[in-house]
């Protein structure tokens, strides 16, 4: 009998060690982005001419260099001495955070360190909007306003400035994509309440818009 129980115990140990258990949460690590490339690109007037929205995307992932360039263009630091950014911000509040939803998980863009900070080890792309294409787009950017960073004003004032700041950032993304031959569309059709729960946002954090980015569908 002892031999039977010993064998059974050994079998259980092997199963615990090697059998995949979906109840254990996966871990994701931060992603150190390459230094953004700040030269090159197409003439600005041509970029304006070609800027447009697209809702048809390839499922090919964006290389880290392209992702780094994209995020820097969106809201990266272009004046390291002051920490000021590529998009304007009233009173330099810098209250918009860019969350990056990809197949490997959800990340927060840290412009100062040029790093993607891990938030969730889940593919939440399908939850970032009601359109059918969002679940397959390689990158969905989620613009989140942090009202705690706005030192004064009513809720309406905070909404007003946050909307303006988000508009500046999303247009930077449009122009970068037009320059680099990427497809993009900014999106407002979001279940913000449920999405905020998925992202584990604080009450003072408000989802403003989302923006899909990828290569054009061939």
Protein backbone atom coordinates (compact mmCIF):
# COMPACT_ATOMS: atom_id res chain seq x y z
CA UNK A 1 0.00 0.00 0.00
CA UNK A 2 2.83 2.39 0.84
CA UNK A 3 4.33 1.79 -2.59
CA UNK A 4 0.99 2.60 -4.22
CA UNK A 5 0.64 5.86 -2.30
CA UNK A 6 4.28 6.76 -3.02
CA UNK A 7 3.71 6.18 -6.72
CA UNK A 8 0.49 8.20 -6.61
CA UNK A 9 2.25 11.05 -4.85
CA UNK A 10 5.01 11.04 -7.44
CA UNK A 11 2.41 11.20 -10.21
CA UNK A 12 0.65 14.16 -8.58
CA UNK A 13 3.96 16.01 -8.22
CA UNK A 14 4.80 15.46 -11.90
CA UNK A 15 1.34 16.72 -12.93
CA UNK A 16 1.70 19.83 -10.76
CA UNK A 17 5.10 20.61 -12.23
CA UNK A 18 4.34 20.03 -15.89
CA UNK A 19 0.58 20.22 -16.42
CA UNK A 20 -0.47 23.69 -17.69
CA UNK A 21 -2.70 25.42 -15.17
CA UNK A 22 -4.67 28.31 -16.69
CA UNK A 23 -5.70 29.52 -13.23
CA UNK A 24 -2.18 30.77 -12.53
CA UNK A 25 -1.79 34.33 -13.90
CA UNK A 26 0.87 34.81 -16.51
CA UNK A 27 3.52 37.46 -15.98
CA UNK A 28 4.72 40.03 -18.47
CA UNK A 29 7.86 42.06 -18.22
CA UNK A 30 8.49 45.67 -19.07
CA UNK A 31 9.63 46.36 -22.60
CA UNK A 32 12.61 48.63 -23.08
CA UNK A 33 12.01 50.49 -26.31
CA UNK A 34 14.82 51.38 -28.73
CA UNK A 35 15.87 55.01 -28.86
CA UNK A 36 13.35 56.75 -31.13
CA UNK A 37 14.63 57.75 -34.55
CA UNK A 38 14.12 61.49 -34.89
CA UNK A 39 15.45 61.95 -38.40
CA UNK A 40 14.02 60.90 -41.74
CA UNK A 41 10.35 60.87 -42.59
CA UNK A 42 8.52 62.55 -45.47
CA UNK A 43 8.00 66.28 -46.12
CA UNK A 44 5.27 67.68 -43.89
CA UNK A 45 3.01 68.93 -46.68
CA UNK A 46 2.99 65.49 -48.30
CA UNK A 47 2.11 63.96 -44.94
CA UNK A 48 -0.84 66.34 -44.59
CA UNK A 49 -1.94 65.37 -48.08
CA UNK A 50 -1.88 61.65 -47.28
CA UNK A 51 -3.34 61.77 -43.75
CA UNK A 52 -6.53 59.69 -43.54
CA UNK A 53 -8.40 57.14 -41.43
CA UNK A 54 -8.30 53.45 -42.26
CA UNK A 55 -10.25 50.55 -40.77
CA UNK A 56 -8.51 47.75 -42.62
CA UNK A 57 -5.35 46.42 -41.02
CA UNK A 58 -2.81 43.66 -41.46
CA UNK A 59 -2.31 41.45 -38.41
CA UNK A 60 1.49 41.78 -38.72
CA UNK A 61 3.05 43.07 -35.50
CA UNK A 62 4.89 46.38 -35.43
CA UNK A 63 8.65 46.14 -34.82
CA UNK A 64 9.78 47.67 -31.54
CA UNK A 65 11.63 50.42 -33.38
CA UNK A 66 8.45 51.47 -35.17
CA UNK A 67 6.49 51.31 -31.91
CA UNK A 68 9.11 53.44 -30.17
CA UNK A 69 9.04 56.02 -32.97
CA UNK A 70 5.22 56.03 -32.94
CA UNK A 71 4.93 56.63 -29.20
CA UNK A 72 7.61 59.29 -29.22
CA UNK A 73 5.81 61.09 -32.05
CA UNK A 74 2.54 60.79 -30.11
CA UNK A 75 3.67 62.21 -26.77
CA UNK A 76 7.37 61.64 -26.28
CA UNK A 77 9.84 64.02 -24.69
CA UNK A 78 11.38 66.32 -27.30
CA UNK A 79 13.06 68.73 -24.85
CA UNK A 80 14.92 66.63 -22.29
CA UNK A 81 16.10 69.67 -20.34
CA UNK A 82 12.52 70.59 -19.41
CA UNK A 83 10.71 67.28 -19.93
CA UNK A 84 8.29 68.88 -22.35
CA UNK A 85 6.60 66.79 -25.00
CA UNK A 86 5.83 66.50 -28.71
CA UNK A 87 2.19 67.50 -28.10
CA UNK A 88 1.11 70.68 -26.29
CA UNK A 89 -0.38 70.53 -22.82
CA UNK A 90 -2.11 73.37 -20.96
CA UNK A 91 -0.04 74.56 -17.98
CA UNK A 92 2.25 71.64 -18.88
CA UNK A 93 -0.12 69.35 -16.95
CA UNK A 94 0.77 66.37 -19.17
CA UNK A 95 -2.30 64.58 -17.86
CA UNK A 96 -2.80 62.09 -20.72
CA UNK A 97 -1.40 58.58 -20.31
CA UNK A 98 -1.06 56.27 -23.30
CA UNK A 99 -1.92 52.64 -22.67
CA UNK A 100 -0.83 50.16 -25.35
CA UNK A 101 -2.95 47.05 -25.90
CA UNK A 102 -1.21 44.28 -27.85
CA UNK A 103 -1.54 40.51 -28.16
CA UNK A 104 1.01 40.01 -25.36
CA UNK A 105 -0.82 42.26 -22.89
CA UNK A 106 -1.58 45.80 -21.79
CA UNK A 107 1.25 48.28 -21.17
CA UNK A 108 1.65 51.89 -20.06
CA UNK A 109 4.01 54.13 -22.03
CA UNK A 110 6.64 55.75 -19.81
CA UNK A 111 8.00 58.58 -21.95
CA UNK A 112 10.71 59.59 -19.50
CA UNK A 113 12.31 56.13 -19.43
CA UNK A 114 11.16 55.12 -22.95
CA UNK A 115 9.70 51.92 -21.53
CA UNK A 116 6.41 50.06 -21.76
CA UNK A 117 5.35 49.31 -18.17
CA UNK A 118 3.35 46.08 -17.81
CA UNK A 119 -0.24 46.48 -16.63
CA UNK A 120 -2.12 43.30 -17.55
CA UNK A 121 -0.93 39.96 -18.91
CA UNK A 122 -4.05 39.65 -21.05
CA UNK A 123 -4.97 40.33 -24.64
CA UNK A 124 -7.71 42.93 -24.12
CA UNK A 125 -7.74 44.32 -27.67
CA UNK A 126 -11.31 43.12 -28.30
CA UNK A 127 -12.49 45.17 -25.31
CA UNK A 128 -11.00 48.44 -26.59
CA UNK A 129 -13.90 49.17 -28.92
CA UNK A 130 -17.08 47.87 -30.53
CA UNK A 131 -15.74 47.61 -34.09
CA UNK A 132 -14.95 44.11 -35.28
CA UNK A 133 -11.41 44.91 -36.44
CA UNK A 134 -10.03 46.05 -33.06
CA UNK A 135 -9.43 42.51 -31.77
CA UNK A 136 -6.91 41.78 -34.56
CA UNK A 137 -5.12 45.14 -34.90
CA UNK A 138 -1.54 44.74 -33.61
CA UNK A 139 -1.67 47.95 -31.53
CA UNK A 140 -4.58 49.74 -29.90
CA UNK A 141 -3.66 52.93 -28.07
CA UNK A 142 -5.96 53.98 -25.24
CA UNK A 143 -5.79 57.62 -24.17
CA UNK A 144 -6.53 58.02 -20.46
CA UNK A 145 -6.86 61.41 -18.78
CA UNK A 146 -5.69 61.66 -15.19
CA UNK A 147 -7.76 64.42 -13.60
CA UNK A 148 -5.59 64.34 -10.48
CA UNK A 149 -2.83 65.99 -12.54
CA UNK A 150 -5.03 69.04 -13.24
CA UNK A 151 -4.62 71.22 -10.19
CA UNK A 152 -7.68 73.43 -10.61
CA UNK A 153 -11.00 73.77 -12.36
CA UNK A 154 -14.39 72.12 -12.51
CA UNK A 155 -15.12 68.69 -13.99
CA UNK A 156 -16.16 70.39 -17.24
CA UNK A 157 -12.88 72.30 -17.41
CA UNK A 158 -10.89 69.12 -16.81
CA UNK A 159 -12.87 67.34 -19.53
CA UNK A 160 -12.31 70.25 -21.93
CA UNK A 161 -8.53 70.32 -21.53
CA UNK A 162 -8.24 66.53 -21.53
CA UNK A 163 -10.18 66.33 -24.79
CA UNK A 164 -7.94 68.99 -26.36
CA UNK A 165 -4.77 67.22 -25.18
CA UNK A 166 -6.03 63.89 -26.55
CA UNK A 167 -6.77 65.53 -29.90
CA UNK A 168 -3.23 66.86 -30.17
CA UNK A 169 -1.73 63.46 -29.39
CA UNK A 170 -3.98 61.49 -31.73
CA UNK A 171 -3.20 63.89 -34.59
CA UNK A 172 0.52 63.35 -34.00
CA UNK A 173 -0.15 59.63 -34.41
CA UNK A 174 -2.05 60.29 -37.64
CA UNK A 175 0.83 62.31 -39.07
CA UNK A 176 3.44 59.73 -38.09
CA UNK A 177 1.38 56.97 -39.68
CA UNK A 178 0.93 58.99 -42.88
CA UNK A 179 4.67 59.55 -43.02
CA UNK A 180 5.55 55.89 -42.45
CA UNK A 181 2.84 54.19 -44.49
CA UNK A 182 0.92 52.85 -41.50
CA UNK A 183 -2.85 52.59 -41.16
CA UNK A 184 -4.67 54.24 -38.25
CA UNK A 185 -8.08 55.37 -37.05
CA UNK A 186 -9.09 57.18 -33.88
CA UNK A 187 -12.13 55.68 -32.15
CA UNK A 188 -14.75 56.90 -29.72
CA UNK A 189 -17.03 53.84 -29.69
CA UNK A 190 -15.82 52.44 -26.35
CA UNK A 191 -17.68 51.03 -23.36
CA UNK A 192 -15.71 53.27 -21.04
CA UNK A 193 -17.16 51.97 -17.79
CA UNK A 194 -16.41 48.32 -18.45
CA UNK A 195 -13.06 49.16 -20.04
CA UNK A 196 -12.01 51.14 -16.97
CA UNK A 197 -12.73 48.07 -14.83
CA UNK A 198 -10.71 45.82 -17.14
CA UNK A 199 -7.79 48.25 -17.01
CA UNK A 200 -8.15 48.68 -13.22
CA UNK A 201 -8.20 52.47 -13.50
CA UNK A 202 -8.59 54.79 -10.54
CA UNK A 203 -11.80 56.89 -10.25
CA UNK A 204 -9.94 60.04 -11.31
CA UNK A 205 -8.74 58.37 -14.52
CA UNK A 206 -11.05 58.80 -17.52
CA UNK A 207 -10.83 57.03 -20.88
CA UNK A 208 -11.01 59.64 -23.65
CA UNK A 209 -10.41 57.88 -26.98
CA UNK A 210 -8.70 54.85 -28.50
CA UNK A 211 -6.63 54.65 -31.68
CA UNK A 212 -5.77 51.58 -33.73
CA UNK A 213 -2.43 51.37 -35.53
CA UNK A 214 -1.00 48.74 -37.86
CA UNK A 215 0.19 48.05 -41.36
CA UNK A 216 -2.42 48.44 -44.11
CA UNK A 217 -4.26 45.27 -45.07
CA UNK A 218 -2.83 43.82 -48.27
